[in-house]
């Protein structure tokens, strides 16, 4: 006969395991292979055309520049800029940000060094470039402009809330340009502004472009411990269009399907685990978003704004915003619509978002993210209390009538049809739902998966300590204590459930705690903590219900 409850229970547990593994691997694997060479022979040439030409305004490489106007050359090639949350290095050749460290976020628990999001070295090439193209381009096929600066170091004074870093460039005898970086205390958003003083007799016309140029190096924010079970988050380009506030593509897909979109406002950036860098052009202009993979294996995500004309004998400006920092969704949503969606909770975002809100509210009271996870678990468990009550009651009733079920199996051992019929009659007579113990598990799967995404994607959990040996809730338990406790709790739960009458089913169920424990050895401690607390609450609830039914002498209906 077909034991519906057991088979459905096994199917539910197997489905949960599969969904968990799928979600774990759904983080896109970084593209570490060398991309196919682009067919665009001008991919690394400096822009010479306007943004309306339809061509990619790509950037000349610094090592292609053999000569620089001596009059515009200072002794220092780079300048340093520091605020309370940003540590930058700007290349005077082009005015590109070639290094960005985040003092508020350490590179690892073992180090006090800041996490580096932008850098240009032998390990990683990831920089933010910007310039002017068009009729009066500063960035041309002949090279990048070389700026001068009043100082080699700029620091945000403790008594100030903002810092302006001005780079000067003499475009011609009658036209001067200041490239200004405007930074604010506590902010990862930088305003990049070109101030143009046009004292010539002709109009000055140019378009702003900003781009992120990244190689195929691995994501430095990902902990590679765990082997084949190590987390492989998405890394690639994300952007907003008029139709969709959040779209994304991997670097490898950009080779065959480059992005090319015209949007009102919008943004484009490079997303990695916990952090994002993005160019945000003016919201009141039509901007072109595009991507390209160059012959030098560089992935470029670019925005080009509409051309701006500055009349003769007048002054004007061309600007855009640049963000490089943590994926703090509440800050990102204030910068540009859809930018907060880089905190990607997947298709269950409508459940994950309220869970994150709840997690932050509890944390604001308790001050510990581990206790906040426990608080969320308790509230989620309370929300499903009645559903679990019915499920555990059904399991307890099944356990109570296990001797009668075993008797039916023995009586009709040679006639599976009569065996099934007799069991169904018993279920009907005693008003037992053989599926009652399985459906709640299926219903709660979306909540569990949603919380999984919240714990995986939220920057707030990175390097967040709990207590005792748990110093990072986003990393695996270093001593595997929580996974072992989780396995023990699953075993205890099984002992409280009626054993499957089928020997094969019984063996499968016996292996489940072992299999889950093995998987959870490599899962983040925060997720395992949720499961341990959830199982503990289930055991308490199930034990009370089972004992009450056993003492009553009659099944609870």
Protein backbone atom coordinates (compact mmCIF):
# COMPACT_ATOMS: atom_id res chain seq x y z
CA UNK A 1 0.00 0.00 0.00
CA UNK A 2 1.02 3.61 -0.37
CA UNK A 3 1.63 5.33 2.96
CA UNK A 4 0.69 8.85 1.90
CA UNK A 5 1.96 10.59 5.00
CA UNK A 6 5.38 8.99 4.98
CA UNK A 7 5.97 9.46 1.29
CA UNK A 8 4.83 13.08 1.44
CA UNK A 9 6.98 13.70 4.49
CA UNK A 10 10.01 12.25 2.74
CA UNK A 11 9.18 14.30 -0.34
CA UNK A 12 8.84 17.46 1.76
CA UNK A 13 12.18 16.92 3.50
CA UNK A 14 13.87 16.08 0.20
CA UNK A 15 12.33 19.15 -1.41
CA UNK A 16 13.52 21.33 1.45
CA UNK A 17 17.03 19.93 1.10
CA UNK A 18 16.99 20.50 -2.64
CA UNK A 19 15.63 24.04 -2.33
CA UNK A 20 18.27 24.85 0.25
CA UNK A 21 21.07 23.62 -1.98
CA UNK A 22 19.61 25.34 -5.03
CA UNK A 23 19.34 28.63 -3.16
CA UNK A 24 22.88 28.18 -1.85
CA UNK A 25 24.20 27.69 -5.36
CA UNK A 26 21.90 30.32 -6.91
CA UNK A 27 24.51 32.93 -6.13
CA UNK A 28 26.13 33.17 -9.57
CA UNK A 29 29.60 31.67 -9.78
CA UNK A 30 32.12 34.41 -10.50
CA UNK A 31 33.41 34.38 -14.05
CA UNK A 32 37.08 33.63 -13.50
CA UNK A 33 37.75 32.31 -16.96
CA UNK A 34 39.18 34.56 -19.63
CA UNK A 35 36.36 36.06 -21.67
CA UNK A 36 36.14 35.82 -25.43
CA UNK A 37 37.98 38.63 -27.16
CA UNK A 38 35.67 41.41 -28.23
CA UNK A 39 35.17 42.01 -31.93
CA UNK A 40 35.26 45.76 -31.29
CA UNK A 41 38.75 46.72 -32.37
CA UNK A 42 38.38 50.15 -30.74
CA UNK A 43 37.37 48.78 -27.36
CA UNK A 44 40.42 50.27 -25.65
CA UNK A 45 40.63 53.45 -27.68
CA UNK A 46 39.78 56.79 -26.16
CA UNK A 47 36.42 58.27 -27.14
CA UNK A 48 36.36 60.64 -30.05
CA UNK A 49 32.65 60.71 -30.88
CA UNK A 50 29.64 62.14 -29.11
CA UNK A 51 27.29 60.01 -27.07
CA UNK A 52 24.72 60.22 -29.87
CA UNK A 53 26.95 58.36 -32.30
CA UNK A 54 25.95 55.00 -30.88
CA UNK A 55 29.56 53.93 -30.36
CA UNK A 56 31.08 52.87 -27.07
CA UNK A 57 33.08 55.73 -25.58
CA UNK A 58 35.81 53.44 -24.21
CA UNK A 59 38.79 54.54 -22.19
CA UNK A 60 42.42 54.70 -23.19
CA UNK A 61 44.69 52.74 -20.87
CA UNK A 62 47.22 54.68 -18.83
CA UNK A 63 50.07 52.57 -20.14
CA UNK A 64 49.19 53.69 -23.68
CA UNK A 65 50.01 57.30 -22.83
CA UNK A 66 53.61 57.98 -23.75
CA UNK A 67 53.69 61.77 -23.43
CA UNK A 68 52.01 64.22 -21.09
CA UNK A 69 51.99 68.00 -21.25
CA UNK A 70 54.83 68.96 -18.94
CA UNK A 71 53.07 72.16 -17.92
CA UNK A 72 50.25 70.11 -16.36
CA UNK A 73 52.43 67.53 -14.66
CA UNK A 74 53.00 67.53 -10.92
CA UNK A 75 55.44 65.37 -9.00
CA UNK A 76 52.69 63.14 -7.59
CA UNK A 77 50.70 60.86 -9.88
CA UNK A 78 48.11 60.04 -7.22
CA UNK A 79 46.39 62.03 -4.52
CA UNK A 80 44.92 60.57 -1.35
CA UNK A 81 41.47 61.50 -0.08
CA UNK A 82 40.16 60.41 3.31
CA UNK A 83 36.83 60.83 5.05
CA UNK A 84 35.44 58.97 8.04
CA UNK A 85 34.10 56.20 5.76
CA UNK A 86 36.18 56.38 2.56
CA UNK A 87 39.88 56.08 1.82
CA UNK A 88 40.47 56.98 -1.83
CA UNK A 89 43.32 57.31 -4.26
CA UNK A 90 42.72 59.37 -7.39
CA UNK A 91 44.93 59.15 -10.45
CA UNK A 92 45.77 62.63 -11.75
CA UNK A 93 45.89 61.10 -15.21
CA UNK A 94 42.20 61.23 -16.06
CA UNK A 95 41.03 61.85 -12.50
CA UNK A 96 39.99 58.21 -12.00
CA UNK A 97 39.36 56.59 -8.62
CA UNK A 98 41.83 53.72 -8.62
CA UNK A 99 41.54 52.74 -4.96
CA UNK A 100 38.69 52.78 -2.47
CA UNK A 101 39.02 51.37 1.03
CA UNK A 102 36.16 51.22 3.53
CA UNK A 103 37.49 51.84 7.08
CA UNK A 104 34.17 50.85 8.67
CA UNK A 105 34.48 47.32 7.23
CA UNK A 106 37.54 45.18 7.86
CA UNK A 107 38.87 42.81 5.22
CA UNK A 108 38.52 39.89 7.63
CA UNK A 109 37.93 39.12 11.29
CA UNK A 110 41.63 38.46 11.73
CA UNK A 111 42.71 41.79 10.25
CA UNK A 112 42.13 45.45 11.05
CA UNK A 113 42.85 46.45 7.46
CA UNK A 114 39.91 48.11 5.72
CA UNK A 115 37.98 46.21 3.10
CA UNK A 116 39.14 47.32 -0.34
CA UNK A 117 36.40 47.58 -2.94
CA UNK A 118 38.34 49.37 -5.73
CA UNK A 119 41.99 48.67 -6.50
CA UNK A 120 44.44 48.46 -9.35
CA UNK A 121 47.23 45.93 -8.85
CA UNK A 122 48.45 42.53 -9.95
CA UNK A 123 45.65 40.79 -8.06
CA UNK A 124 42.65 42.90 -9.02
CA UNK A 125 41.83 45.58 -11.57
CA UNK A 126 38.66 47.39 -10.57
CA UNK A 127 38.49 51.18 -10.98
CA UNK A 128 35.97 53.96 -11.49
CA UNK A 129 36.62 56.19 -14.48
CA UNK A 130 34.96 59.35 -15.69
CA UNK A 131 35.51 62.06 -18.25
CA UNK A 132 34.08 64.25 -20.97
CA UNK A 133 33.44 63.18 -24.56
CA UNK A 134 31.85 64.87 -27.53
CA UNK A 135 32.69 67.95 -29.56
CA UNK A 136 34.96 69.35 -26.82
CA UNK A 137 36.14 66.08 -25.30
CA UNK A 138 38.87 66.05 -22.71
CA UNK A 139 39.27 62.28 -23.14
CA UNK A 140 40.32 61.57 -26.71
CA UNK A 141 42.27 59.07 -28.76
CA UNK A 142 45.37 61.16 -28.01
CA UNK A 143 45.12 60.49 -24.29
CA UNK A 144 43.56 61.42 -21.00
CA UNK A 145 43.79 64.86 -19.42
CA UNK A 146 46.44 65.32 -16.75
CA UNK A 147 45.09 67.29 -13.80
CA UNK A 148 46.94 69.27 -11.19
CA UNK A 149 46.01 69.45 -7.53
CA UNK A 150 46.86 71.87 -4.75
CA UNK A 151 47.81 69.04 -2.40
CA UNK A 152 48.77 65.38 -2.46
CA UNK A 153 46.52 64.61 0.52
CA UNK A 154 42.99 65.68 1.41
CA UNK A 155 41.35 64.83 4.73
CA UNK A 156 37.90 65.57 6.05
CA UNK A 157 38.42 67.78 9.06
CA UNK A 158 36.69 66.71 12.28
CA UNK A 159 34.90 70.04 12.40
CA UNK A 160 33.60 69.76 8.82
CA UNK A 161 30.78 67.76 7.31
CA UNK A 162 31.94 67.99 3.69
CA UNK A 163 35.10 67.94 1.63
CA UNK A 164 35.75 69.26 -1.89
CA UNK A 165 38.70 67.94 -3.87
CA UNK A 166 39.45 70.05 -6.93
CA UNK A 167 41.54 68.86 -9.87
CA UNK A 168 42.50 71.56 -12.39
CA UNK A 169 42.95 71.24 -16.14
CA UNK A 170 43.74 73.93 -18.70
CA UNK A 171 41.71 72.83 -21.71
CA UNK A 172 42.86 75.82 -23.81
CA UNK A 173 44.01 79.38 -23.37
CA UNK A 174 40.42 80.48 -22.80
CA UNK A 175 38.81 77.38 -21.26
CA UNK A 176 39.62 75.98 -17.81
CA UNK A 177 38.08 72.90 -16.22
CA UNK A 178 37.88 71.89 -12.58
CA UNK A 179 37.00 68.26 -11.83
CA UNK A 180 35.52 68.39 -8.35
CA UNK A 181 34.90 65.44 -6.04
CA UNK A 182 32.38 66.37 -3.36
CA UNK A 183 32.34 64.07 -0.32
CA UNK A 184 30.28 64.19 2.87
CA UNK A 185 30.72 62.83 6.37
CA UNK A 186 29.26 59.35 6.80
CA UNK A 187 28.40 59.11 3.09
CA UNK A 188 29.63 56.67 0.44
CA UNK A 189 28.08 58.78 -2.31
CA UNK A 190 30.49 61.03 -4.20
CA UNK A 191 29.41 63.83 -6.50
CA UNK A 192 31.75 64.10 -9.49
CA UNK A 193 31.37 67.50 -11.10
CA UNK A 194 33.06 69.20 -14.04
CA UNK A 195 33.09 72.99 -13.59
CA UNK A 196 33.76 74.59 -16.95
CA UNK A 197 34.77 78.21 -17.41
CA UNK A 198 34.32 78.94 -21.11
CA UNK A 199 35.83 82.34 -21.92
CA UNK A 200 36.21 81.49 -25.61
CA UNK A 201 34.12 82.88 -28.43
CA UNK A 202 32.57 79.48 -29.25
CA UNK A 203 30.19 77.23 -27.31
CA UNK A 204 31.65 74.35 -25.32
CA UNK A 205 29.78 71.07 -25.76
CA UNK A 206 30.49 67.75 -24.06
CA UNK A 207 28.86 64.72 -22.48
CA UNK A 208 29.76 63.18 -19.16
CA UNK A 209 30.63 59.50 -19.04
CA UNK A 210 31.26 57.37 -15.99
CA UNK A 211 32.26 53.75 -16.08
CA UNK A 212 33.37 50.88 -13.92
CA UNK A 213 36.19 48.82 -15.34
CA UNK A 214 36.74 45.42 -13.77
CA UNK A 215 38.71 42.31 -14.57
CA UNK A 216 37.59 38.76 -13.82
CA UNK A 217 39.22 38.35 -10.43
CA UNK A 218 37.28 36.66 -7.65
CA UNK A 219 35.06 38.52 -5.21
CA UNK A 220 37.28 39.49 -2.22
CA UNK A 221 34.27 39.66 0.09
CA UNK A 222 33.55 35.93 -0.28
CA UNK A 223 34.90 33.44 2.21
CA UNK A 224 36.08 30.44 0.20
CA UNK A 225 36.07 28.06 3.17
CA UNK A 226 33.75 25.14 2.71
CA UNK A 227 35.06 23.70 -0.55
CA UNK A 228 32.30 22.73 -2.93
CA UNK A 229 29.76 24.09 -0.42
CA UNK A 230 31.42 27.49 -0.24
CA UNK A 231 29.15 30.38 -1.10
CA UNK A 232 29.42 31.67 -4.68
CA UNK A 233 27.54 34.98 -4.73
CA UNK A 234 26.49 36.81 -7.85
CA UNK A 235 29.08 39.10 -9.32
CA UNK A 236 28.31 41.14 -12.40
CA UNK A 237 26.56 44.22 -13.71
CA UNK A 238 23.21 45.55 -12.45
CA UNK A 239 21.26 48.48 -13.84
CA UNK A 240 17.88 50.22 -13.96
CA UNK A 241 15.78 50.92 -17.04
CA UNK A 242 12.51 52.71 -17.63
CA UNK A 243 10.69 49.37 -17.59
CA UNK A 244 12.57 47.57 -14.82
CA UNK A 245 14.16 49.11 -11.73
CA UNK A 246 16.57 46.20 -11.34
CA UNK A 247 18.17 44.01 -13.97
CA UNK A 248 21.43 42.11 -13.83
CA UNK A 249 23.80 40.16 -16.02
CA UNK A 250 27.04 38.27 -15.47
CA UNK A 251 30.30 39.29 -17.06
CA UNK A 252 30.28 36.18 -19.24
CA UNK A 253 26.82 36.98 -20.60
CA UNK A 254 27.95 40.49 -21.49
CA UNK A 255 30.15 39.04 -24.21
CA UNK A 256 27.19 37.78 -26.24
CA UNK A 257 24.50 40.16 -25.02
CA UNK A 258 25.95 43.56 -24.16
CA UNK A 259 23.68 46.03 -22.45
CA UNK A 260 22.54 49.01 -24.47
CA UNK A 261 19.66 51.05 -23.12
CA UNK A 262 18.39 54.62 -23.15
CA UNK A 263 16.82 55.60 -19.82
CA UNK A 264 15.44 58.58 -17.98
CA UNK A 265 17.77 58.87 -15.02
CA UNK A 266 18.69 55.30 -14.20
CA UNK A 267 21.94 53.87 -12.85
CA UNK A 268 24.47 51.15 -13.65
CA UNK A 269 26.94 49.39 -11.39
CA UNK A 270 28.98 46.34 -10.54
CA UNK A 271 27.51 44.14 -7.82
CA UNK A 272 29.38 41.78 -5.54
CA UNK A 273 28.60 40.16 -2.22
CA UNK A 274 27.73 42.81 0.40
CA UNK A 275 29.12 45.72 -1.67
CA UNK A 276 28.25 47.68 -4.81
CA UNK A 277 29.73 50.43 -6.95
CA UNK A 278 27.42 52.39 -9.23
CA UNK A 279 27.26 55.48 -11.40
CA UNK A 280 24.07 57.49 -10.93
CA UNK A 281 23.59 60.14 -13.65
CA UNK A 282 21.20 63.12 -13.37
CA UNK A 283 17.60 62.01 -13.02
CA UNK A 284 16.33 64.81 -15.27
CA UNK A 285 18.30 63.74 -18.35
CA UNK A 286 18.20 60.91 -20.88
CA UNK A 287 21.23 58.69 -20.32
CA UNK A 288 22.76 55.83 -22.26
CA UNK A 289 23.69 52.64 -20.39
CA UNK A 290 26.06 50.20 -22.03
CA UNK A 291 28.53 47.40 -21.39
CA UNK A 292 31.44 45.94 -23.27
CA UNK A 293 34.10 43.26 -22.79
CA UNK A 294 37.41 44.55 -24.15
CA UNK A 295 40.25 42.76 -25.86
CA UNK A 296 42.17 43.10 -22.61
CA UNK A 297 39.55 40.98 -20.79
CA UNK A 298 38.11 43.98 -18.99
CA UNK A 299 34.41 44.24 -18.23
CA UNK A 300 33.10 47.78 -18.60
CA UNK A 301 29.76 49.11 -17.34
CA UNK A 302 29.16 52.64 -18.54
CA UNK A 303 26.71 55.51 -18.39
CA UNK A 304 26.83 58.43 -20.82
CA UNK A 305 24.75 61.52 -20.17
CA UNK A 306 23.20 63.83 -22.73
CA UNK A 307 25.40 66.54 -24.20
CA UNK A 308 25.58 69.82 -22.32
CA UNK A 309 26.32 73.11 -24.10
CA UNK A 310 27.98 76.01 -22.32
CA UNK A 311 27.65 79.32 -24.10
CA UNK A 312 30.67 81.52 -24.89
CA UNK A 313 31.88 83.80 -22.09
CA UNK A 314 29.94 81.80 -19.47
CA UNK A 315 30.32 79.06 -16.92
CA UNK A 316 28.54 75.74 -16.52
CA UNK A 317 28.83 72.29 -15.03
CA UNK A 318 28.37 68.63 -15.96
CA UNK A 319 28.02 66.08 -13.17
CA UNK A 320 26.96 62.65 -11.94
CA UNK A 321 27.02 60.77 -8.64
CA UNK A 322 29.18 57.77 -7.84
CA UNK A 323 28.50 55.30 -5.02
CA UNK A 324 31.00 52.78 -3.74
CA UNK A 325 30.29 51.06 -0.46
CA UNK A 326 28.08 48.60 1.41
CA UNK A 327 24.71 47.40 0.14
CA UNK A 328 22.78 49.30 2.79
CA UNK A 329 19.31 49.13 1.25
CA UNK A 330 17.83 51.97 3.30
CA UNK A 331 20.61 54.33 2.14
CA UNK A 332 20.60 53.06 -1.44
CA UNK A 333 16.87 53.61 -1.92
CA UNK A 334 17.37 57.31 -1.20
CA UNK A 335 20.01 57.61 -3.92
CA UNK A 336 18.14 56.20 -6.91
CA UNK A 337 15.01 54.06 -7.45
CA UNK A 338 15.92 50.39 -7.67
CA UNK A 339 19.47 50.75 -6.36
CA UNK A 340 18.37 49.16 -3.07
CA UNK A 341 17.40 46.05 -5.05
CA UNK A 342 21.08 45.21 -5.38
CA UNK A 343 20.38 43.60 -2.00
CA UNK A 344 18.87 40.76 -3.98
CA UNK A 345 16.45 38.57 -2.01
CA UNK A 346 15.38 36.63 -5.10
CA UNK A 347 11.79 35.89 -6.11
CA UNK A 348 10.68 35.66 -2.48
CA UNK A 349 11.62 39.29 -1.79
CA UNK A 350 8.02 40.05 -0.74
CA UNK A 351 8.54 37.73 2.25
CA UNK A 352 12.23 38.49 2.80
CA UNK A 353 11.77 42.25 2.97
CA UNK A 354 9.38 42.19 5.97
CA UNK A 355 11.65 39.64 7.65
CA UNK A 356 14.62 41.96 7.27
CA UNK A 357 12.59 44.86 8.63
CA UNK A 358 11.61 42.71 11.60
CA UNK A 359 15.21 41.62 12.11
CA UNK A 360 16.46 45.22 12.20
CA UNK A 361 13.72 46.30 14.62
CA UNK A 362 14.54 43.50 17.05
CA UNK A 363 18.25 44.27 16.73
CA UNK A 364 17.60 47.92 17.58
CA UNK A 365 16.22 46.72 20.91
CA UNK A 366 18.53 43.78 21.72
CA UNK A 367 21.73 45.10 20.12
CA UNK A 368 22.91 41.66 19.01
CA UNK A 369 22.19 40.13 15.61
CA UNK A 370 22.28 36.59 17.01
CA UNK A 371 19.56 37.39 19.53
CA UNK A 372 17.69 39.24 16.76
CA UNK A 373 17.70 36.00 14.72
CA UNK A 374 16.36 34.14 17.74
CA UNK A 375 13.66 36.79 18.16
CA UNK A 376 12.61 36.51 14.51
CA UNK A 377 12.52 32.72 14.81
CA UNK A 378 10.23 32.92 17.83
CA UNK A 379 7.88 35.36 16.08
CA UNK A 380 7.78 33.26 12.91
CA UNK A 381 7.11 30.18 15.02
CA UNK A 382 4.30 32.04 16.79
CA UNK A 383 2.78 33.01 13.44
CA UNK A 384 2.63 29.34 12.47
CA UNK A 385 1.60 28.13 15.92
CA UNK A 386 -1.87 26.93 15.00
CA UNK A 387 -0.64 25.28 11.83
CA UNK A 388 2.10 23.48 13.73
CA UNK A 389 -0.39 22.60 16.44
CA UNK A 390 -2.50 20.71 13.95
CA UNK A 391 0.55 19.09 12.38
CA UNK A 392 1.98 17.86 15.69
CA UNK A 393 -1.48 16.71 16.82
CA UNK A 394 -1.78 14.69 13.63
CA UNK A 395 1.64 13.18 14.22
CA UNK A 396 0.79 12.35 17.82
CA UNK A 397 -2.46 10.71 16.76
CA UNK A 398 -0.60 8.70 14.16
CA UNK A 399 1.83 7.62 16.85
CA UNK A 400 -1.04 6.61 19.14
CA UNK A 401 -2.59 4.41 16.47
CA UNK A 402 0.73 3.00 15.29
CA UNK A 403 -0.01 -0.43 16.85
CA UNK A 404 -3.31 -0.64 14.94
CA UNK A 405 -1.57 0.36 11.71
CA UNK A 406 1.09 -2.29 12.30
CA UNK A 407 -1.66 -4.86 12.95
CA UNK A 408 -3.36 -3.98 9.65
CA UNK A 409 -0.05 -4.31 7.79
CA UNK A 410 0.54 -7.71 9.32
CA UNK A 411 -3.01 -8.91 8.69
CA UNK A 412 -3.01 -7.92 5.02
CA UNK A 413 0.68 -8.44 4.33
CA UNK A 414 -0.10 -10.32 1.11
CA UNK A 415 -2.87 -8.03 -0.12
CA UNK A 416 -1.71 -4.44 -0.52
CA UNK A 417 -5.07 -3.28 -1.85
CA UNK A 418 -6.94 -4.48 1.26
CA UNK A 419 -4.14 -3.15 3.43
CA UNK A 420 -4.52 0.32 1.94
CA UNK A 421 -8.30 0.16 2.19
CA UNK A 422 -8.17 -0.86 5.87
CA UNK A 423 -5.77 1.94 6.72
CA UNK A 424 -7.91 4.54 4.98
CA UNK A 425 -10.95 3.30 6.91
CA UNK A 426 -8.99 3.68 10.15
CA UNK A 427 -7.96 7.22 9.19
CA UNK A 428 -11.59 8.07 8.40
CA UNK A 429 -12.96 6.48 11.55
CA UNK A 430 -10.49 8.16 13.88
CA UNK A 431 -10.50 11.42 11.88
CA UNK A 432 -6.77 11.33 11.30
CA UNK A 433 -5.27 13.35 8.46
CA UNK A 434 -2.29 11.38 7.14
CA UNK A 435 -1.06 14.50 5.37
CA UNK A 436 -1.40 16.78 8.37
CA UNK A 437 2.21 16.43 9.47
CA UNK A 438 3.63 17.27 6.06
CA UNK A 439 1.68 20.26 4.79
CA UNK A 440 2.91 22.72 7.47
CA UNK A 441 6.49 21.91 6.52
CA UNK A 442 5.71 22.66 2.88
CA UNK A 443 3.91 25.90 3.79
CA UNK A 444 6.85 27.11 5.87
CA UNK A 445 9.45 26.45 3.18
CA UNK A 446 9.09 29.90 1.56
CA UNK A 447 9.62 31.56 4.94
CA UNK A 448 12.74 29.52 5.61
CA UNK A 449 14.18 30.22 2.14
CA UNK A 450 13.35 33.93 2.50
CA UNK A 451 15.12 34.13 5.84
CA UNK A 452 18.05 32.30 4.25
CA UNK A 453 18.35 35.11 1.68
CA UNK A 454 18.07 37.78 4.35
CA UNK A 455 20.90 36.22 6.33
CA UNK A 456 23.02 35.76 3.20
CA UNK A 457 22.54 39.16 1.59
CA UNK A 458 22.40 41.60 4.49
CA UNK A 459 25.62 43.53 5.07
CA UNK A 460 24.52 43.96 8.69
CA UNK A 461 25.29 40.26 9.34
CA UNK A 462 28.83 40.45 7.92
CA UNK A 463 31.33 39.91 10.75
CA UNK A 464 28.48 40.25 13.25
CA UNK A 465 29.32 38.43 16.50
CA UNK A 466 26.82 36.42 18.54
CA UNK A 467 28.33 34.99 21.71
CA UNK A 468 31.05 32.65 22.93
CA UNK A 469 32.85 31.13 19.91
CA UNK A 470 30.55 32.62 17.24
CA UNK A 471 32.35 35.76 16.07
CA UNK A 472 30.79 35.98 12.60
CA UNK A 473 27.18 35.00 11.94
CA UNK A 474 27.77 35.16 8.18
CA UNK A 475 30.51 32.50 8.34
CA UNK A 476 30.40 28.83 9.20
CA UNK A 477 30.72 27.74 12.81
CA UNK A 478 34.50 27.24 13.26
CA UNK A 479 33.99 24.36 15.69
CA UNK A 480 30.82 22.89 14.09
CA UNK A 481 28.99 23.04 17.41
CA UNK A 482 25.76 24.55 16.07
CA UNK A 483 25.48 22.08 13.14
CA UNK A 484 25.93 19.16 15.56
CA UNK A 485 23.27 20.60 17.88
CA UNK A 486 21.02 21.02 14.86
CA UNK A 487 21.55 17.36 13.90
CA UNK A 488 20.78 16.27 17.45
CA UNK A 489 17.59 18.33 17.47
CA UNK A 490 16.46 16.68 14.21
CA UNK A 491 17.13 13.26 15.74
CA UNK A 492 15.05 14.12 18.82
CA UNK A 493 12.23 15.34 16.58
CA UNK A 494 12.26 12.01 14.76
CA UNK A 495 11.99 10.13 18.05
CA UNK A 496 8.84 12.09 18.85
CA UNK A 497 7.28 11.22 15.49
CA UNK A 498 5.66 7.88 14.71
CA UNK A 499 8.17 5.59 12.99
CA UNK A 500 7.45 4.79 9.33
CA UNK A 501 5.95 1.33 8.92
CA UNK A 502 7.99 0.74 5.81
CA UNK A 503 11.61 -0.31 6.58
CA UNK A 504 13.01 1.57 3.59
CA UNK A 505 11.22 4.76 4.62
CA UNK A 506 12.47 4.31 8.17
CA UNK A 507 16.07 4.07 6.97
CA UNK A 508 15.69 7.19 4.84
CA UNK A 509 14.28 9.14 7.75
CA UNK A 510 17.08 7.91 10.03
CA UNK A 511 19.67 9.27 7.61
CA UNK A 512 18.05 12.69 7.32
CA UNK A 513 19.64 14.19 10.48
CA UNK A 514 23.04 12.96 9.34
CA UNK A 515 22.64 14.37 5.83
CA UNK A 516 21.37 17.71 7.08
CA UNK A 517 24.17 17.94 9.65
CA UNK A 518 26.74 17.40 6.90
CA UNK A 519 25.23 20.16 4.76
CA UNK A 520 24.94 22.56 7.68
CA UNK A 521 28.60 22.15 8.62
CA UNK A 522 29.42 24.69 5.91
CA UNK A 523 26.40 26.96 6.24
CA UNK A 524 26.62 30.38 7.94
CA UNK A 525 26.22 30.25 11.70
CA UNK A 526 23.25 32.64 11.55
CA UNK A 527 21.25 30.26 9.39
CA UNK A 528 22.13 27.25 11.56
CA UNK A 529 21.16 29.25 14.65
CA UNK A 530 17.74 29.87 13.15
CA UNK A 531 17.28 26.16 12.44
CA UNK A 532 18.43 25.13 15.93
CA UNK A 533 16.01 27.52 17.63
CA UNK A 534 13.18 26.52 15.29
CA UNK A 535 13.79 22.82 15.98
CA UNK A 536 14.02 23.40 19.73
CA UNK A 537 10.67 25.21 19.78
CA UNK A 538 9.15 22.45 17.64
CA UNK A 539 10.42 19.78 20.01
CA UNK A 540 8.91 21.54 23.02
CA UNK A 541 5.57 22.03 21.29
CA UNK A 542 5.51 18.49 19.91
CA UNK A 543 6.49 16.93 23.24
CA UNK A 544 3.71 18.73 25.11
CA UNK A 545 1.10 17.73 22.52
CA UNK A 546 2.25 14.11 22.40
CA UNK A 547 2.21 13.71 26.20
CA UNK A 548 -1.22 15.31 26.45
CA UNK A 549 -2.67 12.94 23.86
CA UNK A 550 -1.05 9.89 25.46
CA UNK A 551 -2.50 10.83 28.86
CA UNK A 552 -5.96 11.52 27.47
CA UNK A 553 -6.38 7.99 26.19
CA UNK A 554 -8.18 9.42 23.16
CA UNK A 555 -6.85 11.15 20.07
CA UNK A 556 -7.14 14.91 19.87
CA UNK A 557 -9.18 15.94 16.85
